[in-house]
């Protein structure tokens, strides 16, 4: 299988060279902002690797152009490797008239010979079921996070929607887990996070886990609640660290250690996505 890599995925190439021949996709941006890509000569089966974040919209256009070109030259099977899958937070229709954006992107890819997608930690696992024709390998790096959280006594999710992540890491570590419930004071409007079950955090080392860290509000609220309940050390393990606006300063002011993957390049990235993508590609093949 030939592996075609975009320029923003060169850091993943070393791992992927263990699977097949890596060839570079040529890219060009015109003065008006339009993009052009040119594919190298390739065989009938291709792994296409690129980062879709940042510059999400531009990179999706590049991806569609590449898939259309591959289809035109007769490629029969494409495996897409992208560490972060964008538009996944819109996983359902929140208000009338809105699209389910994650489904929209998958339906777009289904127009081409995309056989499988390998990605990390979709916002909700059921997104993979929106387009059954495409095999979606959604990997949560629980083992990699657990290796870095060995002194943790309890794993916490900031809400119920992320509790399965806490459960996955807790089971590896052999510790308990729970999630926060949100309570709003009707008089003051202030929000308090309280663990769902009666757990004692006093003097404990805790880890807060989630899929995306954007502005840091959710993580910091959970961290402050854990400290108010007596937690000794507070760690955070987040798969996709966007770190927007003043998120770095807010998080540094609360957590003792932030552990991220490099699905989005950042200074807190301790977990490399290259080996994870490579292992899953080998299993798929």
C-alpha atoms as a PDB file:
ATOM      1  CA  UNK A   1       0.000   0.000   0.000  1.00  0.00           C
ATOM      2  CA  UNK A   2       1.275   3.457  -0.906  1.00  0.00           C
ATOM      3  CA  UNK A   3       1.065   6.117   1.799  1.00  0.00           C
ATOM      4  CA  UNK A   4       0.404   9.665   0.610  1.00  0.00           C
ATOM      5  CA  UNK A   5       1.296  12.345   3.158  1.00  0.00           C
ATOM      6  CA  UNK A   6       0.341  16.000   3.185  1.00  0.00           C
ATOM      7  CA  UNK A   7       2.880  18.569   4.358  1.00  0.00           C
ATOM      8  CA  UNK A   8       1.216  19.067   7.742  1.00  0.00           C
ATOM      9  CA  UNK A   9       1.608  15.360   8.558  1.00  0.00           C
ATOM     10  CA  UNK A  10       5.349  14.970   7.998  1.00  0.00           C
ATOM     11  CA  UNK A  11       5.881  14.231  11.702  1.00  0.00           C
ATOM     12  CA  UNK A  12       3.786  11.058  11.289  1.00  0.00           C
ATOM     13  CA  UNK A  13       5.785   9.776   8.325  1.00  0.00           C
ATOM     14  CA  UNK A  14       8.571   8.038  10.276  1.00  0.00           C
ATOM     15  CA  UNK A  15       6.096   5.625  11.867  1.00  0.00           C
ATOM     16  CA  UNK A  16       4.105   5.085   8.689  1.00  0.00           C
ATOM     17  CA  UNK A  17       7.221   4.190   6.690  1.00  0.00           C
ATOM     18  CA  UNK A  18       7.156   0.925   8.648  1.00  0.00           C
ATOM     19  CA  UNK A  19       3.916   0.020   6.846  1.00  0.00           C
ATOM     20  CA  UNK A  20       4.494   1.137   3.245  1.00  0.00           C
ATOM     21  CA  UNK A  21       6.200   3.545   0.867  1.00  0.00           C
ATOM     22  CA  UNK A  22       5.506   7.167   1.851  1.00  0.00           C
ATOM     23  CA  UNK A  23       5.087   9.694  -0.949  1.00  0.00           C
ATOM     24  CA  UNK A  24       4.579  13.439  -0.566  1.00  0.00           C
ATOM     25  CA  UNK A  25       1.509  15.250  -1.859  1.00  0.00           C
ATOM     26  CA  UNK A  26       2.374  18.551  -3.556  1.00  0.00           C
ATOM     27  CA  UNK A  27       0.406  21.566  -2.358  1.00  0.00           C
ATOM     28  CA  UNK A  28       0.039  25.095  -3.647  1.00  0.00           C
ATOM     29  CA  UNK A  29      -1.979  28.103  -2.481  1.00  0.00           C
ATOM     30  CA  UNK A  30      -2.950  30.697  -5.090  1.00  0.00           C
ATOM     31  CA  UNK A  31      -3.030  34.449  -4.299  1.00  0.00           C
ATOM     32  CA  UNK A  32      -6.828  34.323  -4.004  1.00  0.00           C
ATOM     33  CA  UNK A  33      -6.634  31.597  -1.344  1.00  0.00           C
ATOM     34  CA  UNK A  34      -7.673  28.676  -3.544  1.00  0.00           C
ATOM     35  CA  UNK A  35      -5.599  25.528  -3.212  1.00  0.00           C
ATOM     36  CA  UNK A  36      -4.150  23.023  -5.653  1.00  0.00           C
ATOM     37  CA  UNK A  37      -2.811  19.582  -4.827  1.00  0.00           C
ATOM     38  CA  UNK A  38      -0.890  17.176  -7.064  1.00  0.00           C
ATOM     39  CA  UNK A  39      -0.651  13.480  -6.275  1.00  0.00           C
ATOM     40  CA  UNK A  40       2.406  11.307  -6.916  1.00  0.00           C
ATOM     41  CA  UNK A  41       2.046   8.134  -8.945  1.00  0.00           C
ATOM     42  CA  UNK A  42       0.313   5.514  -6.850  1.00  0.00           C
ATOM     43  CA  UNK A  43      -1.145   2.025  -6.844  1.00  0.00           C
ATOM     44  CA  UNK A  44      -4.778   0.915  -6.457  1.00  0.00           C
ATOM     45  CA  UNK A  45      -4.740   1.016  -2.631  1.00  0.00           C
ATOM     46  CA  UNK A  46      -3.692   4.125  -0.733  1.00  0.00           C
ATOM     47  CA  UNK A  47      -3.371   5.380   2.822  1.00  0.00           C
ATOM     48  CA  UNK A  48      -3.884   9.129   2.910  1.00  0.00           C
ATOM     49  CA  UNK A  49      -2.498  10.912   5.966  1.00  0.00           C
ATOM     50  CA  UNK A  50      -3.089  14.542   6.915  1.00  0.00           C
ATOM     51  CA  UNK A  51      -3.976  16.724   9.854  1.00  0.00           C
ATOM     52  CA  UNK A  52      -7.364  18.387   9.439  1.00  0.00           C
ATOM     53  CA  UNK A  53      -6.744  20.824  12.315  1.00  0.00           C
ATOM     54  CA  UNK A  54      -5.889  23.706  12.403  1.00  0.00           C
ATOM     55  CA  UNK A  55      -7.171  25.466   9.247  1.00  0.00           C
ATOM     56  CA  UNK A  56      -9.990  22.926   9.222  1.00  0.00           C
ATOM     57  CA  UNK A  57     -11.945  24.237   6.240  1.00  0.00           C
ATOM     58  CA  UNK A  58      -8.898  24.620   3.996  1.00  0.00           C
ATOM     59  CA  UNK A  59      -7.720  21.122   4.870  1.00  0.00           C
ATOM     60  CA  UNK A  60     -11.110  19.570   4.188  1.00  0.00           C
ATOM     61  CA  UNK A  61     -11.019  21.111   0.696  1.00  0.00           C
ATOM     62  CA  UNK A  62      -7.529  19.658   0.171  1.00  0.00           C
ATOM     63  CA  UNK A  63      -8.796  16.271   1.304  1.00  0.00           C
ATOM     64  CA  UNK A  64     -11.771  16.339  -1.080  1.00  0.00           C
ATOM     65  CA  UNK A  65      -9.544  17.397  -3.993  1.00  0.00           C
ATOM     66  CA  UNK A  66      -7.172  14.534  -3.215  1.00  0.00           C
ATOM     67  CA  UNK A  67      -9.965  11.979  -2.933  1.00  0.00           C
ATOM     68  CA  UNK A  68     -11.507  13.138  -6.205  1.00  0.00           C
ATOM     69  CA  UNK A  69      -8.162  12.892  -7.970  1.00  0.00           C
ATOM     70  CA  UNK A  70      -7.570   9.407  -6.547  1.00  0.00           C
ATOM     71  CA  UNK A  71     -11.011   8.345  -7.715  1.00  0.00           C
ATOM     72  CA  UNK A  72     -10.334   9.708 -11.208  1.00  0.00           C
ATOM     73  CA  UNK A  73      -7.118   7.694 -11.576  1.00  0.00           C
ATOM     74  CA  UNK A  74      -8.847   4.473 -10.513  1.00  0.00           C
ATOM     75  CA  UNK A  75      -7.763   4.003  -6.897  1.00  0.00           C
ATOM     76  CA  UNK A  76     -10.106   1.375  -5.423  1.00  0.00           C
ATOM     77  CA  UNK A  77      -9.420   1.678  -1.699  1.00  0.00           C
ATOM     78  CA  UNK A  78      -8.420   4.657   0.451  1.00  0.00           C
ATOM     79  CA  UNK A  79      -7.673   4.538   4.165  1.00  0.00           C
ATOM     80  CA  UNK A  80      -7.776   7.997   5.703  1.00  0.00           C
ATOM     81  CA  UNK A  81      -5.536   8.597   8.708  1.00  0.00           C
ATOM     82  CA  UNK A  82      -6.246  11.827  10.573  1.00  0.00           C
ATOM     83  CA  UNK A  83      -5.530  12.192  14.305  1.00  0.00           C
ATOM     84  CA  UNK A  84      -8.316  14.726  14.919  1.00  0.00           C
ATOM     85  CA  UNK A  85     -11.651  14.489  13.124  1.00  0.00           C
ATOM     86  CA  UNK A  86     -13.236  17.960  12.854  1.00  0.00           C
ATOM     87  CA  UNK A  87     -16.890  18.968  13.198  1.00  0.00           C
ATOM     88  CA  UNK A  88     -17.412  16.025  15.561  1.00  0.00           C
ATOM     89  CA  UNK A  89     -18.823  18.163  18.379  1.00  0.00           C
ATOM     90  CA  UNK A  90     -21.966  18.726  16.314  1.00  0.00           C
ATOM     91  CA  UNK A  91     -22.936  15.077  16.782  1.00  0.00           C
ATOM     92  CA  UNK A  92     -26.702  15.677  16.863  1.00  0.00           C
ATOM     93  CA  UNK A  93     -29.234  18.312  15.856  1.00  0.00           C
ATOM     94  CA  UNK A  94     -29.374  20.725  18.772  1.00  0.00           C
ATOM     95  CA  UNK A  95     -31.818  23.169  17.127  1.00  0.00           C
ATOM     96  CA  UNK A  96     -34.188  22.948  14.171  1.00  0.00           C
ATOM     97  CA  UNK A  97     -32.476  23.823  10.909  1.00  0.00           C
ATOM     98  CA  UNK A  98     -28.989  22.803  12.001  1.00  0.00           C
ATOM     99  CA  UNK A  99     -27.017  20.077  10.235  1.00  0.00           C
ATOM    100  CA  UNK A 100     -25.444  17.164  12.053  1.00  0.00           C
ATOM    101  CA  UNK A 101     -22.025  18.341  10.967  1.00  0.00           C
ATOM    102  CA  UNK A 102     -20.138  15.169  11.852  1.00  0.00           C
ATOM    103  CA  UNK A 103     -22.524  13.187   9.652  1.00  0.00           C
ATOM    104  CA  UNK A 104     -22.182  15.783   6.879  1.00  0.00           C
ATOM    105  CA  UNK A 105     -18.408  15.287   6.709  1.00  0.00           C
ATOM    106  CA  UNK A 106     -18.740  11.491   6.689  1.00  0.00           C
ATOM    107  CA  UNK A 107     -21.364  11.606   3.923  1.00  0.00           C
ATOM    108  CA  UNK A 108     -19.030  13.813   1.904  1.00  0.00           C
ATOM    109  CA  UNK A 109     -16.206  11.285   2.249  1.00  0.00           C
ATOM    110  CA  UNK A 110     -18.560   8.430   1.324  1.00  0.00           C
ATOM    111  CA  UNK A 111     -18.791   9.837  -2.217  1.00  0.00           C
ATOM    112  CA  UNK A 112     -15.238   8.596  -2.781  1.00  0.00           C
ATOM    113  CA  UNK A 113     -13.489   5.222  -2.418  1.00  0.00           C
ATOM    114  CA  UNK A 114     -12.842   5.760   1.303  1.00  0.00           C
ATOM    115  CA  UNK A 115     -12.756   2.288   2.800  1.00  0.00           C
ATOM    116  CA  UNK A 116     -11.795   3.260   6.341  1.00  0.00           C
ATOM    117  CA  UNK A 117     -10.981   6.175   8.632  1.00  0.00           C
ATOM    118  CA  UNK A 118      -8.479   5.866  11.460  1.00  0.00           C
ATOM    119  CA  UNK A 119      -8.758   8.631  14.019  1.00  0.00           C
ATOM    120  CA  UNK A 120      -8.447   9.329  17.737  1.00  0.00           C
ATOM    121  CA  UNK A 121     -11.223   9.846  20.249  1.00  0.00           C
ATOM    122  CA  UNK A 122     -14.290  11.018  18.361  1.00  0.00           C
ATOM    123  CA  UNK A 123     -16.412  13.348  20.475  1.00  0.00           C
ATOM    124  CA  UNK A 124     -19.082  10.629  20.637  1.00  0.00           C
ATOM    125  CA  UNK A 125     -18.386   7.036  19.507  1.00  0.00           C
ATOM    126  CA  UNK A 126     -21.753   6.706  17.762  1.00  0.00           C
ATOM    127  CA  UNK A 127     -20.617   9.220  15.126  1.00  0.00           C
ATOM    128  CA  UNK A 128     -18.902   6.253  13.470  1.00  0.00           C
ATOM    129  CA  UNK A 129     -22.317   4.706  12.813  1.00  0.00           C
ATOM    130  CA  UNK A 130     -23.687   7.595  10.741  1.00  0.00           C
ATOM    131  CA  UNK A 131     -22.195   6.210   7.517  1.00  0.00           C
ATOM    132  CA  UNK A 132     -21.881   2.413   7.933  1.00  0.00           C
ATOM    133  CA  UNK A 133     -20.234   1.985   4.518  1.00  0.00           C
ATOM    134  CA  UNK A 134     -17.036   3.514   5.910  1.00  0.00           C
ATOM    135  CA  UNK A 135     -15.200   1.506   8.560  1.00  0.00           C
ATOM    136  CA  UNK A 136     -14.270   3.969  11.290  1.00  0.00           C
ATOM    137  CA  UNK A 137     -11.530   2.959  13.715  1.00  0.00           C
ATOM    138  CA  UNK A 138     -11.992   5.288  16.672  1.00  0.00           C
ATOM    139  CA  UNK A 139      -9.092   4.849  19.087  1.00  0.00           C
ATOM    140  CA  UNK A 140      -9.045   6.126  22.651  1.00  0.00           C
ATOM    141  CA  UNK A 141      -5.447   6.146  23.961  1.00  0.00           C
ATOM    142  CA  UNK A 142      -6.388   4.851  27.418  1.00  0.00           C
ATOM    143  CA  UNK A 143      -3.264   2.706  27.755  1.00  0.00           C
ATOM    144  CA  UNK A 144      -0.956   5.587  26.864  1.00  0.00           C
ATOM    145  CA  UNK A 145      -2.688   7.892  29.348  1.00  0.00           C
ATOM    146  CA  UNK A 146      -2.699   5.251  32.098  1.00  0.00           C
ATOM    147  CA  UNK A 147       1.059   4.783  31.734  1.00  0.00           C
ATOM    148  CA  UNK A 148       1.461   8.433  32.728  1.00  0.00           C
ATOM    149  CA  UNK A 149      -1.069   8.408  35.585  1.00  0.00           C
ATOM    150  CA  UNK A 150       0.249   5.586  37.744  1.00  0.00           C
ATOM    151  CA  UNK A 151       0.032   7.531  41.028  1.00  0.00           C
ATOM    152  CA  UNK A 152      -3.654   8.413  40.510  1.00  0.00           C
ATOM    153  CA  UNK A 153      -6.223   7.228  43.061  1.00  0.00           C
ATOM    154  CA  UNK A 154      -9.425   8.130  41.183  1.00  0.00           C
ATOM    155  CA  UNK A 155     -10.321   9.132  37.623  1.00  0.00           C
ATOM    156  CA  UNK A 156     -12.960  11.805  37.050  1.00  0.00           C
ATOM    157  CA  UNK A 157     -14.975  12.849  34.031  1.00  0.00           C
ATOM    158  CA  UNK A 158     -16.231  16.469  33.900  1.00  0.00           C
ATOM    159  CA  UNK A 159     -19.685  15.177  32.860  1.00  0.00           C
ATOM    160  CA  UNK A 160     -21.585  11.984  32.120  1.00  0.00           C
ATOM    161  CA  UNK A 161     -20.824  12.185  28.391  1.00  0.00           C
ATOM    162  CA  UNK A 162     -17.144  11.492  28.999  1.00  0.00           C
ATOM    163  CA  UNK A 163     -17.479   8.912  31.777  1.00  0.00           C
ATOM    164  CA  UNK A 164     -16.552   5.991  29.499  1.00  0.00           C
ATOM    165  CA  UNK A 165     -13.125   7.583  29.055  1.00  0.00           C
ATOM    166  CA  UNK A 166     -12.668   7.726  32.819  1.00  0.00           C
ATOM    167  CA  UNK A 167     -13.812   4.107  33.093  1.00  0.00           C
ATOM    168  CA  UNK A 168     -11.327   2.919  30.450  1.00  0.00           C
ATOM    169  CA  UNK A 169      -8.331   4.489  32.211  1.00  0.00           C
ATOM    170  CA  UNK A 170      -9.528   3.537  35.702  1.00  0.00           C
ATOM    171  CA  UNK A 171      -9.861  -0.135  34.757  1.00  0.00           C
ATOM    172  CA  UNK A 172      -6.270  -0.215  33.515  1.00  0.00           C
ATOM    173  CA  UNK A 173      -5.029   1.445  36.717  1.00  0.00           C
ATOM    174  CA  UNK A 174      -7.286  -0.613  38.982  1.00  0.00           C
ATOM    175  CA  UNK A 175      -8.811   2.465  40.641  1.00  0.00           C
ATOM    176  CA  UNK A 176     -12.312   3.914  40.955  1.00  0.00           C
ATOM    177  CA  UNK A 177     -13.928   6.461  38.669  1.00  0.00           C
ATOM    178  CA  UNK A 178     -16.933   8.746  38.563  1.00  0.00           C
ATOM    179  CA  UNK A 179     -18.209  11.908  36.895  1.00  0.00           C
ATOM    180  CA  UNK A 180     -19.285  15.380  37.953  1.00  0.00           C
ATOM    181  CA  UNK A 181     -22.862  16.559  37.972  1.00  0.00           C
ATOM    182  CA  UNK A 182     -23.586  20.252  37.499  1.00  0.00           C
ATOM    183  CA  UNK A 183     -25.783  22.184  39.953  1.00  0.00           C
ATOM    184  CA  UNK A 184     -26.832  25.801  39.506  1.00  0.00           C
ATOM    185  CA  UNK A 185     -27.712  28.056  42.452  1.00  0.00           C
ATOM    186  CA  UNK A 186     -31.114  29.552  41.640  1.00  0.00           C
ATOM    187  CA  UNK A 187     -30.373  32.725  43.589  1.00  0.00           C
ATOM    188  CA  UNK A 188     -26.823  33.513  42.504  1.00  0.00           C
ATOM    189  CA  UNK A 189     -26.624  31.592  39.236  1.00  0.00           C
ATOM    190  CA  UNK A 190     -23.289  30.102  40.293  1.00  0.00           C
ATOM    191  CA  UNK A 191     -22.478  26.564  39.138  1.00  0.00           C
ATOM    192  CA  UNK A 192     -21.113  23.828  41.381  1.00  0.00           C
ATOM    193  CA  UNK A 193     -19.726  20.499  40.203  1.00  0.00           C
ATOM    194  CA  UNK A 194     -20.290  17.561  42.529  1.00  0.00           C
ATOM    195  CA  UNK A 195     -19.158  13.950  41.951  1.00  0.00           C
ATOM    196  CA  UNK A 196     -22.071  11.703  40.965  1.00  0.00           C
ATOM    197  CA  UNK A 197     -21.275   9.171  43.649  1.00  0.00           C
ATOM    198  CA  UNK A 198     -20.225   9.737  47.225  1.00  0.00           C
ATOM    199  CA  UNK A 199     -16.462   9.606  46.822  1.00  0.00           C
ATOM    200  CA  UNK A 200     -13.794  10.934  49.133  1.00  0.00           C
ATOM    201  CA  UNK A 201     -11.223  13.043  47.283  1.00  0.00           C
ATOM    202  CA  UNK A 202      -9.476  14.322  50.401  1.00  0.00           C
ATOM    203  CA  UNK A 203      -5.746  13.748  50.061  1.00  0.00           C
ATOM    204  CA  UNK A 204      -6.224  11.782  46.827  1.00  0.00           C
ATOM    205  CA  UNK A 205      -4.451  12.209  43.502  1.00  0.00           C
ATOM    206  CA  UNK A 206      -7.101  12.570  40.817  1.00  0.00           C
ATOM    207  CA  UNK A 207      -7.092  12.651  37.039  1.00  0.00           C
ATOM    208  CA  UNK A 208      -9.690  14.540  35.018  1.00  0.00           C
ATOM    209  CA  UNK A 209     -10.142  13.140  31.507  1.00  0.00           C
ATOM    210  CA  UNK A 210     -11.864  14.566  28.446  1.00  0.00           C
ATOM    211  CA  UNK A 211     -11.619  14.549  24.660  1.00  0.00           C
ATOM    212  CA  UNK A 212     -11.162  18.247  23.800  1.00  0.00           C
ATOM    213  CA  UNK A 213      -9.605  21.182  25.612  1.00  0.00           C
ATOM    214  CA  UNK A 214     -10.579  24.350  23.773  1.00  0.00           C
ATOM    215  CA  UNK A 215     -10.954  27.416  26.032  1.00  0.00           C
ATOM    216  CA  UNK A 216     -10.362  25.430  29.232  1.00  0.00           C
ATOM    217  CA  UNK A 217     -13.553  26.407  31.067  1.00  0.00           C
ATOM    218  CA  UNK A 218     -14.884  22.897  31.631  1.00  0.00           C
ATOM    219  CA  UNK A 219     -11.546  21.492  32.747  1.00  0.00           C
ATOM    220  CA  UNK A 220     -10.815  24.367  35.136  1.00  0.00           C
ATOM    221  CA  UNK A 221     -14.283  24.118  36.716  1.00  0.00           C
ATOM    222  CA  UNK A 222     -13.750  20.404  37.297  1.00  0.00           C
ATOM    223  CA  UNK A 223     -10.266  21.034  38.677  1.00  0.00           C
ATOM    224  CA  UNK A 224     -11.493  23.692  41.118  1.00  0.00           C
ATOM    225  CA  UNK A 225     -14.263  21.385  42.310  1.00  0.00           C
ATOM    226  CA  UNK A 226     -11.790  18.554  42.896  1.00  0.00           C
ATOM    227  CA  UNK A 227      -9.522  20.841  44.901  1.00  0.00           C
ATOM    228  CA  UNK A 228     -12.480  22.165  46.926  1.00  0.00           C
ATOM    229  CA  UNK A 229     -13.207  18.544  47.859  1.00  0.00           C
ATOM    230  CA  UNK A 230      -9.664  18.123  49.167  1.00  0.00           C
ATOM    231  CA  UNK A 231      -7.807  16.564  46.246  1.00  0.00           C
ATOM    232  CA  UNK A 232      -4.042  16.458  46.722  1.00  0.00           C
ATOM    233  CA  UNK A 233      -2.813  16.439  43.105  1.00  0.00           C
ATOM    234  CA  UNK A 234      -4.995  17.164  40.080  1.00  0.00           C
ATOM    235  CA  UNK A 235      -3.897  15.880  36.702  1.00  0.00           C
ATOM    236  CA  UNK A 236      -5.661  16.241  33.375  1.00  0.00           C
ATOM    237  CA  UNK A 237      -5.476  13.852  30.416  1.00  0.00           C
ATOM    238  CA  UNK A 238      -7.013  15.317  27.267  1.00  0.00           C
ATOM    239  CA  UNK A 239      -6.804  13.826  23.791  1.00  0.00           C
ATOM    240  CA  UNK A 240      -7.194  16.921  21.598  1.00  0.00           C
ATOM    241  CA  UNK A 241      -5.659  20.097  23.037  1.00  0.00           C
ATOM    242  CA  UNK A 242      -6.684  23.144  21.012  1.00  0.00           C
ATOM    243  CA  UNK A 243      -5.744  25.552  23.824  1.00  0.00           C
ATOM    244  CA  UNK A 244      -7.648  28.558  22.501  1.00  0.00           C
ATOM    245  CA  UNK A 245      -7.501  32.106  23.855  1.00  0.00           C
ATOM    246  CA  UNK A 246      -6.120  32.096  27.434  1.00  0.00           C
ATOM    247  CA  UNK A 247      -6.644  28.367  28.029  1.00  0.00           C
ATOM    248  CA  UNK A 248      -2.946  27.735  28.719  1.00  0.00           C
ATOM    249  CA  UNK A 249      -2.826  30.245  31.552  1.00  0.00           C
ATOM    250  CA  UNK A 250      -6.119  29.067  33.051  1.00  0.00           C
ATOM    251  CA  UNK A 251      -5.115  25.411  33.019  1.00  0.00           C
ATOM    252  CA  UNK A 252      -1.600  26.046  34.306  1.00  0.00           C
ATOM    253  CA  UNK A 253      -3.122  27.937  37.210  1.00  0.00           C
ATOM    254  CA  UNK A 254      -5.145  24.914  38.312  1.00  0.00           C
ATOM    255  CA  UNK A 255      -3.871  21.493  37.267  1.00  0.00           C
ATOM    256  CA  UNK A 256      -0.569  20.073  38.442  1.00  0.00           C
ATOM    257  CA  UNK A 257       0.066  18.335  35.143  1.00  0.00           C
ATOM    258  CA  UNK A 258      -1.618  18.415  31.745  1.00  0.00           C
ATOM    259  CA  UNK A 259      -1.111  15.380  29.501  1.00  0.00           C
ATOM    260  CA  UNK A 260      -2.161  15.660  25.855  1.00  0.00           C
ATOM    261  CA  UNK A 261      -1.605  13.746  22.655  1.00  0.00           C
ATOM    262  CA  UNK A 262      -0.027  15.380  19.619  1.00  0.00           C
ATOM    263  CA  UNK A 263      -3.206  14.943  17.549  1.00  0.00           C
ATOM    264  CA  UNK A 264      -3.005  18.740  17.592  1.00  0.00           C
ATOM    265  CA  UNK A 265       0.642  19.806  18.059  1.00  0.00           C
ATOM    266  CA  UNK A 266       1.064  21.469  21.462  1.00  0.00           C
ATOM    267  CA  UNK A 267       3.653  21.860  24.217  1.00  0.00           C
ATOM    268  CA  UNK A 268       1.851  19.448  26.558  1.00  0.00           C
ATOM    269  CA  UNK A 269       1.881  16.546  24.085  1.00  0.00           C
ATOM    270  CA  UNK A 270       3.309  13.464  25.806  1.00  0.00           C
ATOM    271  CA  UNK A 271       1.416  10.832  23.793  1.00  0.00           C
ATOM    272  CA  UNK A 272       2.503  10.402  20.179  1.00  0.00           C
ATOM    273  CA  UNK A 273      -0.262   9.608  17.720  1.00  0.00           C
ATOM    274  CA  UNK A 274       2.052   8.259  14.999  1.00  0.00           C
ATOM    275  CA  UNK A 275       2.598   4.835  16.630  1.00  0.00           C
ATOM    276  CA  UNK A 276      -1.133   4.556  17.428  1.00  0.00           C
ATOM    277  CA  UNK A 277      -2.173   5.261  13.832  1.00  0.00           C
ATOM    278  CA  UNK A 278       0.489   2.906  12.486  1.00  0.00           C
ATOM    279  CA  UNK A 279      -0.559   0.015  14.735  1.00  0.00           C
ATOM    280  CA  UNK A 280      -4.201   0.435  13.763  1.00  0.00           C
ATOM    281  CA  UNK A 281      -3.331   0.615  10.062  1.00  0.00           C
ATOM    282  CA  UNK A 282      -1.359  -2.637  10.386  1.00  0.00           C
ATOM    283  CA  UNK A 283      -4.356  -4.303  12.056  1.00  0.00           C
ATOM    284  CA  UNK A 284      -6.667  -3.053   9.325  1.00  0.00           C
ATOM    285  CA  UNK A 285      -4.451  -4.380   6.577  1.00  0.00           C
END
